[in-house]
Amino acid sequence: MDIVDSQVHIGPGGISEMVSAMDALGIRSVLFDEYWIGTPGHPAYRINDKVFRPSAPTAELAAWTHPGRFAYLLRVETFDPQQIG
């Protein structure tokens, strides 16, 4: 049976340490929900007065360097002009 875990934290050892821990526990893949909104210095940018567009640099790097092991999601603002229509 495949095990997918979605409650993880990347520690000081970074992504490679996470992969080692996943292997040791038999976890095949992880779905990241990297959420920084409200954190000082968070990786997001303002589109207009109502919209922050989030980014997930750690999750994106993990997905690029370990395809099939990591995936990620981002929250979509309903006021984002690129998401309307």
Foldseek 3Di string as FASTA:
>chain_A
DAAEEADDDADPVALVVVVVVCVVVRHQAYEYEDDCPPPVPAAWDAPDPPDIFHDDVRQVVNCVVPPRHGHYDYDDDPPPPVPDD
